Protein backbone atom coordinates (compact mmCIF):
# COMPACT_ATOMS: atom_id res chain seq x y z
CA MET A 1 88.81 120.81 70.39
CA THR A 2 89.38 118.26 73.12
CA LYS A 3 90.67 119.38 76.50
CA ILE A 4 92.36 116.66 78.50
CA LEU A 5 92.60 116.82 82.26
CA LEU A 6 95.74 115.18 83.61
CA GLY A 7 96.87 114.73 87.18
CA PHE A 8 97.53 112.40 90.05
CA MET A 9 94.65 110.64 91.76
CA GLY A 10 92.79 113.02 94.03
CA ALA A 11 93.76 116.15 92.07
CA GLY A 12 90.12 116.86 91.16
CA LYS A 13 89.96 115.94 87.47
CA THR A 14 86.48 114.41 87.54
CA THR A 15 85.09 117.05 89.89
CA VAL A 16 86.43 119.96 87.83
CA ALA A 17 85.27 118.42 84.55
CA GLY A 18 81.70 118.65 85.79
CA HIS A 19 82.06 122.45 85.78
CA LEU A 20 83.31 122.71 82.19
CA ASP A 21 81.36 123.15 78.97
CA GLY A 22 81.42 120.41 76.36
CA ASN A 23 80.87 116.68 76.19
CA PHE A 24 82.37 115.09 79.28
CA TYR A 25 84.10 111.72 79.19
CA ASP A 26 85.53 110.12 82.33
CA MET A 27 88.01 107.50 81.14
CA ASP A 28 87.82 105.39 84.30
CA THR A 29 84.02 105.18 84.05
CA ILE A 30 84.15 104.33 80.35
CA ILE A 31 86.76 101.64 80.93
CA GLU A 32 84.77 100.10 83.78
CA GLU A 33 81.71 99.94 81.51
CA LYS A 34 83.81 98.25 78.79
CA ILE A 35 85.36 95.64 81.07
CA GLY A 36 82.27 95.01 83.20
CA MET A 37 84.05 95.35 86.54
CA THR A 38 85.95 97.91 88.58
CA ILE A 39 89.45 98.84 87.51
CA SER A 40 90.74 97.43 90.81
CA GLU A 41 89.12 94.07 90.07
CA TYR A 42 90.48 94.08 86.52
CA PHE A 43 93.99 94.90 87.75
CA ALA A 44 93.83 92.02 90.23
CA LYS A 45 92.49 89.56 87.68
CA PHE A 46 94.40 90.46 84.50
CA GLY A 47 97.28 92.71 85.57
CA GLU A 48 98.47 96.17 84.69
CA PRO A 49 99.64 95.50 81.08
CA ALA A 50 96.14 94.32 80.08
CA PHE A 51 94.60 97.37 81.72
CA ARG A 52 97.03 99.78 80.04
CA LYS A 53 96.13 98.29 76.64
CA ILE A 54 92.42 99.01 77.21
CA GLU A 55 93.30 102.43 78.56
CA SER A 56 95.27 103.28 75.39
CA GLU A 57 92.45 102.07 73.15
CA THR A 58 89.96 104.17 75.08
CA LEU A 59 92.12 107.30 74.95
CA GLU A 60 92.60 106.88 71.21
CA GLU A 61 88.83 106.46 70.67
CA LEU A 62 88.04 109.55 72.72
CA LEU A 63 90.63 111.70 70.97
CA ALA A 64 89.07 110.77 67.61
CA LEU A 65 85.70 112.25 68.61
CA GLU A 66 84.58 115.49 66.97
CA GLY A 67 83.38 118.52 68.90
CA ASP A 68 84.15 120.24 72.17
CA ASN A 69 85.11 117.45 74.51
CA ILE A 70 86.51 117.20 78.02
CA ILE A 71 88.37 114.01 78.91
CA SER A 72 89.18 113.24 82.52
CA THR A 73 92.01 110.71 82.47
CA GLY A 74 93.00 108.20 85.10
CA GLY A 75 96.01 109.12 87.21
CA GLY A 76 98.22 106.50 85.56
CA VAL A 77 97.48 107.40 81.95
CA VAL A 78 101.00 108.82 81.53
CA ILE A 79 102.72 105.54 82.40
CA SER A 80 102.23 104.12 78.90
CA GLU A 81 104.48 105.42 76.13
CA LYS A 82 101.61 104.98 73.67
CA ASN A 83 99.41 107.20 75.83
CA ARG A 84 102.13 109.83 76.10
CA GLU A 85 102.42 109.80 72.31
CA LEU A 86 98.65 110.28 71.99
CA LEU A 87 98.72 113.10 74.53
CA ARG A 88 101.58 114.84 72.70
CA LYS A 89 99.38 114.96 69.58
CA ASN A 90 96.77 116.89 71.60
CA ARG A 91 99.21 119.66 72.56
CA LYS A 92 97.67 123.06 73.29
CA TYR A 93 94.81 121.52 75.26
CA ASN A 94 96.37 119.33 77.95
CA VAL A 95 95.68 120.63 81.45
CA LEU A 96 97.50 119.40 84.53
CA LEU A 97 95.60 119.69 87.78
CA ALA A 98 98.43 119.64 90.29
CA ALA A 99 98.37 119.53 94.07
CA SER A 100 101.00 119.10 96.72
CA PHE A 101 101.66 115.55 97.85
CA GLU A 102 100.37 116.19 101.37
CA VAL A 103 97.07 117.63 100.10
CA LEU A 104 96.58 114.70 97.70
CA TYR A 105 97.49 112.16 100.35
CA ASP A 106 94.95 113.65 102.75
CA ARG A 107 92.22 113.75 100.07
CA ILE A 108 92.80 110.11 99.14
CA LEU A 109 93.05 109.00 102.76
CA HIS A 110 89.63 110.50 103.52
CA ASP A 111 87.93 109.49 100.26
CA GLU A 112 85.17 107.06 101.23
CA ILE A 113 83.94 106.53 97.65
CA TYR A 114 87.05 105.49 95.71
CA GLN A 115 89.35 102.80 97.07
CA ARG A 116 92.58 103.14 95.14
CA PRO A 117 94.76 99.99 95.12
CA LEU A 118 97.92 101.96 94.43
CA PHE A 119 97.27 103.94 97.59
CA LEU A 120 96.20 100.98 99.70
CA ASN A 121 99.07 98.72 98.64
CA ASN A 122 101.99 101.13 99.16
CA SER A 123 103.63 102.84 102.11
CA LYS A 124 103.39 106.62 102.24
CA GLU A 125 107.05 106.81 101.21
CA ASP A 126 106.56 104.52 98.19
CA PHE A 127 103.37 106.37 97.25
CA HIS A 128 105.34 109.63 97.33
CA GLY A 129 107.88 108.13 94.91
CA ILE A 130 105.09 107.20 92.49
CA TYR A 131 103.71 110.75 92.79
CA GLU A 132 107.12 112.28 92.01
CA ARG A 133 107.70 110.08 88.94
CA ARG A 134 104.27 110.79 87.52
CA MET A 135 104.45 114.54 88.15
CA GLY A 136 107.48 114.77 85.87
CA LEU A 137 105.56 113.00 83.11
CA TYR A 138 102.42 115.13 83.58
CA GLU A 139 104.41 118.35 83.49
CA GLY A 140 106.16 117.36 80.27
CA LEU A 141 102.81 116.82 78.54
CA SER A 142 100.88 119.80 79.88
CA ASP A 143 100.14 123.15 78.31
CA LEU A 144 98.50 124.63 81.39
CA ILE A 145 99.30 123.71 84.99
CA ILE A 146 96.84 124.68 87.71
CA ASN A 147 97.57 124.13 91.38
CA THR A 148 94.37 122.85 93.00
CA ASP A 149 95.49 122.99 96.65
CA ASN A 150 93.41 126.00 97.69
CA ARG A 151 91.07 126.49 94.73
CA SER A 152 87.44 125.54 94.29
CA PRO A 153 86.40 123.37 91.33
CA GLU A 154 84.53 126.39 89.92
CA GLU A 155 87.63 128.58 90.05
CA ILE A 156 89.74 125.90 88.37
CA ALA A 157 87.09 125.48 85.65
CA ARG A 158 87.12 129.24 84.98
CA LEU A 159 90.90 129.10 84.44
CA ILE A 160 90.54 126.18 82.02
CA LYS A 161 87.79 127.93 80.07
CA CYS A 162 90.26 130.76 79.32
CA MET A 163 92.44 128.41 77.23
């Protein structure tokens, strides 16, 4: 069985995945290894459609793997209709890590490791609009929704393990 972690950037997908049992696959890391550059660089050089194509191919490859797997998706995985179709086929094991916009905004603002172009290139108001649109898509694809605002990664992992 493959459990997929969905959620907006900063929701804690990668962090929580490290506390779960099974083979862990971080889609962003895998994609960066495939393309030989950061996702930000790839976006700037080739554009979003080219990135979404690689993202879909990677998701499809990971879903085909046997065994107990945990996939941490990128925050924009739900933008592509093909990805949503792939995620619908994995029903029963899609987990949304949700957080309030203000909590996510603060996490991303203070994140010194990941520089997210979508965050850097949009006003707070525009960024909130992106958040709202994506949350509707995440919710429609999720079997379990966990609010991460005031929970530790260990607590969130325990809830996921009960699936």
